[in-house]
Amino acid sequence: MSSRDARRVVDVEVIYAAATRQTRLTVPVEEGVTVREAIRASGLLQAFPEIDLGVNRVGIYGSLVTLDRPVAAGDRVEIYRPLSGDPKETRRRRALRRRGR
């Protein structure tokens, strides 16, 4: 492999917020690896067995992306937990509490 063919190593952040703690890791990966590969390289799948990439959505800087999207230097890959309830119902209940009902 010539030096021209070698892929450069870049740093990306991989973040997962469990119910009890948030984990934020800087992971060196080859430029152009996918979101899925960056998550696997982070070790978070072993540390948090509840993460299921078939269920959990992922994003980069708050925008949803697919697992096969390539990452770039400095990207922040976020693994989102499934919602525990209906967001509209949660907001409605919170608004009622604020009104004192």
N, C-alpha and C. Protein backbone atom coordinates (compact mmCIF):
# COMPACT_ATOMS: atom_id res chain seq x y z
N MET A 1 0.85 -1.18 0.00
CA MET A 1 0.00 0.00 0.00
C MET A 1 0.89 1.23 0.00
N SER A 2 0.70 2.10 -0.93
CA SER A 2 1.48 3.33 -0.97
C SER A 2 0.93 4.32 0.03
N SER A 3 1.74 5.34 0.36
CA SER A 3 1.27 6.35 1.31
C SER A 3 0.08 7.11 0.75
N ARG A 4 -0.05 7.14 -0.56
CA ARG A 4 -1.19 7.82 -1.17
C ARG A 4 -2.49 7.04 -0.92
N ASP A 5 -2.39 5.71 -0.81
CA ASP A 5 -3.57 4.87 -0.58
C ASP A 5 -3.95 4.79 0.89
N ALA A 6 -3.04 5.13 1.78
CA ALA A 6 -3.32 5.04 3.22
C ALA A 6 -4.40 6.04 3.61
N ARG A 7 -5.31 5.56 4.44
CA ARG A 7 -6.37 6.46 4.92
C ARG A 7 -5.88 7.14 6.18
N ARG A 8 -6.23 8.38 6.29
CA ARG A 8 -5.82 9.20 7.42
C ARG A 8 -6.68 8.86 8.64
N VAL A 9 -6.09 8.93 9.82
CA VAL A 9 -6.82 8.69 11.06
C VAL A 9 -7.33 10.03 11.57
N VAL A 10 -8.63 10.05 11.91
CA VAL A 10 -9.27 11.27 12.42
C VAL A 10 -9.95 10.94 13.74
N ASP A 11 -10.19 11.96 14.54
CA ASP A 11 -10.90 11.78 15.81
C ASP A 11 -12.37 12.16 15.64
N VAL A 12 -13.25 11.31 16.16
CA VAL A 12 -14.68 11.62 16.26
C VAL A 12 -15.09 11.38 17.70
N GLU A 13 -16.14 12.05 18.12
CA GLU A 13 -16.70 11.80 19.45
C GLU A 13 -17.89 10.87 19.28
N VAL A 14 -18.04 9.96 20.22
CA VAL A 14 -19.21 9.09 20.26
C VAL A 14 -19.83 9.27 21.64
N ILE A 15 -21.13 9.59 21.66
CA ILE A 15 -21.81 9.93 22.90
C ILE A 15 -23.05 9.07 23.08
N TYR A 16 -23.24 8.60 24.32
CA TYR A 16 -24.47 7.90 24.68
C TYR A 16 -24.87 8.34 26.08
N ALA A 17 -26.11 8.73 26.24
CA ALA A 17 -26.62 9.13 27.55
C ALA A 17 -27.58 8.06 28.04
N ALA A 18 -27.09 7.24 28.96
CA ALA A 18 -27.96 6.25 29.60
C ALA A 18 -28.83 6.98 30.61
N ALA A 19 -29.77 6.29 31.19
CA ALA A 19 -30.67 6.92 32.17
C ALA A 19 -29.89 7.45 33.38
N THR A 20 -28.77 6.81 33.71
CA THR A 20 -28.04 7.18 34.91
C THR A 20 -26.74 7.95 34.67
N ARG A 21 -26.20 7.85 33.47
CA ARG A 21 -24.94 8.57 33.20
C ARG A 21 -24.74 8.80 31.71
N GLN A 22 -23.92 9.80 31.42
CA GLN A 22 -23.58 10.12 30.04
C GLN A 22 -22.13 9.71 29.79
N THR A 23 -21.89 9.10 28.64
CA THR A 23 -20.53 8.72 28.28
C THR A 23 -20.17 9.42 26.97
N ARG A 24 -19.02 10.05 26.99
CA ARG A 24 -18.53 10.81 25.83
C ARG A 24 -17.09 10.39 25.58
N LEU A 25 -16.85 9.77 24.43
CA LEU A 25 -15.52 9.24 24.12
C LEU A 25 -14.98 9.85 22.84
N THR A 26 -13.70 10.13 22.82
CA THR A 26 -13.03 10.52 21.58
C THR A 26 -12.41 9.25 21.00
N VAL A 27 -12.76 8.95 19.76
CA VAL A 27 -12.37 7.69 19.14
C VAL A 27 -11.57 7.98 17.86
N PRO A 28 -10.34 7.48 17.77
CA PRO A 28 -9.60 7.61 16.52
C PRO A 28 -10.07 6.55 15.53
N VAL A 29 -10.46 6.97 14.34
CA VAL A 29 -10.92 6.05 13.30
C VAL A 29 -10.31 6.46 11.97
N GLU A 30 -10.30 5.53 11.03
CA GLU A 30 -9.84 5.87 9.70
C GLU A 30 -10.88 6.77 9.04
N GLU A 31 -10.41 7.78 8.35
CA GLU A 31 -11.31 8.70 7.66
C GLU A 31 -12.21 7.91 6.72
N GLY A 32 -13.50 8.22 6.75
CA GLY A 32 -14.46 7.59 5.86
C GLY A 32 -15.16 6.37 6.43
N VAL A 33 -14.81 5.93 7.66
CA VAL A 33 -15.56 4.82 8.23
C VAL A 33 -16.99 5.27 8.47
N THR A 34 -17.88 4.33 8.62
CA THR A 34 -19.30 4.65 8.81
C THR A 34 -19.60 4.95 10.27
N VAL A 35 -20.77 5.52 10.49
CA VAL A 35 -21.25 5.77 11.85
C VAL A 35 -21.26 4.45 12.63
N ARG A 36 -21.75 3.39 12.01
CA ARG A 36 -21.80 2.07 12.67
C ARG A 36 -20.40 1.64 13.11
N GLU A 37 -19.41 1.78 12.23
CA GLU A 37 -18.05 1.37 12.55
C GLU A 37 -17.45 2.23 13.67
N ALA A 38 -17.75 3.52 13.67
CA ALA A 38 -17.26 4.41 14.73
C ALA A 38 -17.85 4.02 16.07
N ILE A 39 -19.15 3.69 16.09
CA ILE A 39 -19.80 3.26 17.33
C ILE A 39 -19.17 1.96 17.82
N ARG A 40 -18.96 1.02 16.93
CA ARG A 40 -18.33 -0.25 17.33
C ARG A 40 -16.93 -0.02 17.88
N ALA A 41 -16.17 0.87 17.24
CA ALA A 41 -14.80 1.15 17.68
C ALA A 41 -14.77 1.81 19.05
N SER A 42 -15.86 2.48 19.42
CA SER A 42 -15.90 3.19 20.70
C SER A 42 -15.99 2.25 21.90
N GLY A 43 -16.49 1.04 21.70
CA GLY A 43 -16.69 0.11 22.81
C GLY A 43 -17.99 0.31 23.56
N LEU A 44 -18.81 1.27 23.14
CA LEU A 44 -20.06 1.54 23.85
C LEU A 44 -21.06 0.39 23.75
N LEU A 45 -21.01 -0.38 22.66
CA LEU A 45 -21.95 -1.50 22.53
C LEU A 45 -21.68 -2.56 23.61
N GLN A 46 -20.42 -2.72 24.01
CA GLN A 46 -20.09 -3.67 25.07
C GLN A 46 -20.40 -3.06 26.45
N ALA A 47 -20.15 -1.78 26.60
CA ALA A 47 -20.37 -1.13 27.90
C ALA A 47 -21.86 -0.96 28.22
N PHE A 48 -22.68 -0.81 27.18
CA PHE A 48 -24.12 -0.61 27.36
C PHE A 48 -24.87 -1.62 26.50
N PRO A 49 -25.07 -2.83 27.02
CA PRO A 49 -25.72 -3.88 26.22
C PRO A 49 -27.15 -3.53 25.81
N GLU A 50 -27.76 -2.52 26.44
CA GLU A 50 -29.12 -2.13 26.04
C GLU A 50 -29.15 -1.41 24.70
N ILE A 51 -28.00 -0.96 24.20
CA ILE A 51 -27.96 -0.30 22.89
C ILE A 51 -28.18 -1.36 21.82
N ASP A 52 -29.18 -1.13 20.99
CA ASP A 52 -29.49 -2.00 19.86
C ASP A 52 -29.53 -1.11 18.63
N LEU A 53 -28.53 -1.21 17.77
CA LEU A 53 -28.47 -0.31 16.61
C LEU A 53 -29.61 -0.56 15.62
N GLY A 54 -30.36 -1.63 15.81
CA GLY A 54 -31.56 -1.84 15.01
C GLY A 54 -32.75 -1.05 15.55
N VAL A 55 -32.63 -0.58 16.80
CA VAL A 55 -33.71 0.16 17.46
C VAL A 55 -33.32 1.61 17.74
N ASN A 56 -32.16 1.80 18.37
CA ASN A 56 -31.71 3.14 18.72
C ASN A 56 -31.42 3.95 17.46
N ARG A 57 -31.87 5.18 17.47
CA ARG A 57 -31.57 6.08 16.36
C ARG A 57 -30.21 6.73 16.64
N VAL A 58 -29.58 7.22 15.59
CA VAL A 58 -28.28 7.87 15.73
C VAL A 58 -28.29 9.19 14.99
N GLY A 59 -27.39 10.07 15.41
CA GLY A 59 -27.29 11.37 14.75
C GLY A 59 -25.89 11.91 14.83
N ILE A 60 -25.67 12.97 14.09
CA ILE A 60 -24.42 13.72 14.15
C ILE A 60 -24.82 15.16 14.44
N TYR A 61 -24.34 15.67 15.56
CA TYR A 61 -24.68 17.03 16.00
C TYR A 61 -26.19 17.28 15.99
N GLY A 62 -26.96 16.32 16.47
CA GLY A 62 -28.40 16.51 16.63
C GLY A 62 -29.24 16.25 15.39
N SER A 63 -28.62 15.92 14.27
CA SER A 63 -29.36 15.61 13.05
C SER A 63 -29.33 14.10 12.82
N LEU A 64 -30.50 13.51 12.64
CA LEU A 64 -30.56 12.06 12.42
C LEU A 64 -29.81 11.68 11.15
N VAL A 65 -29.06 10.58 11.24
CA VAL A 65 -28.33 10.04 10.10
C VAL A 65 -28.51 8.53 10.08
N THR A 66 -28.13 7.91 8.98
CA THR A 66 -28.17 6.45 8.88
C THR A 66 -26.84 5.89 9.37
N LEU A 67 -26.85 4.62 9.72
CA LEU A 67 -25.65 3.97 10.23
C LEU A 67 -24.55 3.85 9.17
N ASP A 68 -24.91 3.92 7.89
CA ASP A 68 -23.90 3.78 6.85
C ASP A 68 -23.33 5.12 6.37
N ARG A 69 -23.67 6.20 7.04
CA ARG A 69 -23.12 7.51 6.68
C ARG A 69 -21.65 7.58 7.10
N PRO A 70 -20.77 8.03 6.22
CA PRO A 70 -19.36 8.19 6.60
C PRO A 70 -19.19 9.33 7.61
N VAL A 71 -18.24 9.16 8.52
CA VAL A 71 -17.94 10.21 9.49
C VAL A 71 -16.77 11.04 8.98
N ALA A 72 -16.68 12.26 9.50
CA ALA A 72 -15.58 13.16 9.16
C ALA A 72 -14.89 13.58 10.45
N ALA A 73 -13.70 14.11 10.31
CA ALA A 73 -12.93 14.57 11.47
C ALA A 73 -13.77 15.54 12.29
N GLY A 74 -13.80 15.32 13.61
CA GLY A 74 -14.50 16.22 14.51
C GLY A 74 -15.98 15.97 14.65
N ASP A 75 -16.56 15.00 13.92
CA ASP A 75 -17.99 14.71 14.06
C ASP A 75 -18.29 14.24 15.48
N ARG A 76 -19.51 14.56 15.95
CA ARG A 76 -20.01 14.06 17.23
C ARG A 76 -21.16 13.11 16.92
N VAL A 77 -20.88 11.82 17.05
CA VAL A 77 -21.87 10.77 16.79
C VAL A 77 -22.66 10.56 18.07
N GLU A 78 -23.98 10.66 17.99
CA GLU A 78 -24.85 10.54 19.15
C GLU A 78 -25.76 9.33 19.00
N ILE A 79 -25.84 8.54 20.05
CA ILE A 79 -26.74 7.38 20.07
C ILE A 79 -27.91 7.78 20.97
N TYR A 80 -29.12 7.74 20.41
CA TYR A 80 -30.30 8.19 21.14
C TYR A 80 -31.04 7.02 21.75
N ARG A 81 -31.51 7.21 22.99
CA ARG A 81 -32.35 6.20 23.64
C ARG A 81 -33.77 6.32 23.09
N PRO A 82 -34.49 5.20 23.04
CA PRO A 82 -35.90 5.29 22.64
C PRO A 82 -36.68 6.15 23.63
N LEU A 83 -37.68 6.85 23.14
CA LEU A 83 -38.52 7.67 24.01
C LEU A 83 -39.29 6.79 24.98
N SER A 84 -39.41 7.24 26.22
CA SER A 84 -40.12 6.45 27.23
C SER A 84 -41.62 6.68 27.19
N GLY A 85 -42.06 7.71 26.51
CA GLY A 85 -43.49 7.99 26.40
C GLY A 85 -43.76 8.88 25.20
N ASP A 86 -45.02 9.17 25.00
CA ASP A 86 -45.43 10.03 23.90
C ASP A 86 -45.06 11.48 24.23
N PRO A 87 -44.21 12.13 23.42
CA PRO A 87 -43.79 13.50 23.73
C PRO A 87 -44.94 14.49 23.84
N LYS A 88 -45.99 14.33 23.01
CA LYS A 88 -47.14 15.25 23.08
C LYS A 88 -47.86 15.11 24.42
N GLU A 89 -48.03 13.88 24.86
CA GLU A 89 -48.71 13.63 26.14
C GLU A 89 -47.87 14.16 27.31
N THR A 90 -46.57 13.98 27.23
CA THR A 90 -45.68 14.48 28.28
C THR A 90 -45.76 16.00 28.37
N ARG A 91 -45.74 16.69 27.24
CA ARG A 91 -45.84 18.16 27.23
C ARG A 91 -47.19 18.61 27.78
N ARG A 92 -48.27 17.89 27.42
CA ARG A 92 -49.60 18.24 27.89
C ARG A 92 -49.68 18.13 29.41
N ARG A 93 -49.15 17.04 29.96
CA ARG A 93 -49.17 16.86 31.41
C ARG A 93 -48.34 17.93 32.12
N ARG A 94 -47.20 18.27 31.54
CA ARG A 94 -46.34 19.30 32.14
C ARG A 94 -47.05 20.65 32.13
N ALA A 95 -47.74 20.98 31.05
CA ALA A 95 -48.47 22.24 30.96
C ALA A 95 -49.59 22.29 31.99
N LEU A 96 -50.31 21.20 32.19
CA LEU A 96 -51.37 21.14 33.19
C LEU A 96 -50.81 21.35 34.59
N ARG A 97 -49.67 20.74 34.88
CA ARG A 97 -49.05 20.93 36.20
C ARG A 97 -48.67 22.39 36.43
N ARG A 98 -48.18 23.04 35.40
CA ARG A 98 -47.78 24.44 35.54
C ARG A 98 -48.98 25.33 35.82
N ARG A 99 -50.13 24.95 35.28
CA ARG A 99 -51.35 25.73 35.52
C ARG A 99 -51.98 25.40 36.86
N GLY A 100 -51.43 24.40 37.55
CA GLY A 100 -51.94 24.07 38.87
C GLY A 100 -53.14 23.14 38.86
N ARG A 101 -53.30 22.39 37.81
CA ARG A 101 -54.46 21.48 37.74
C ARG A 101 -54.07 20.08 38.06
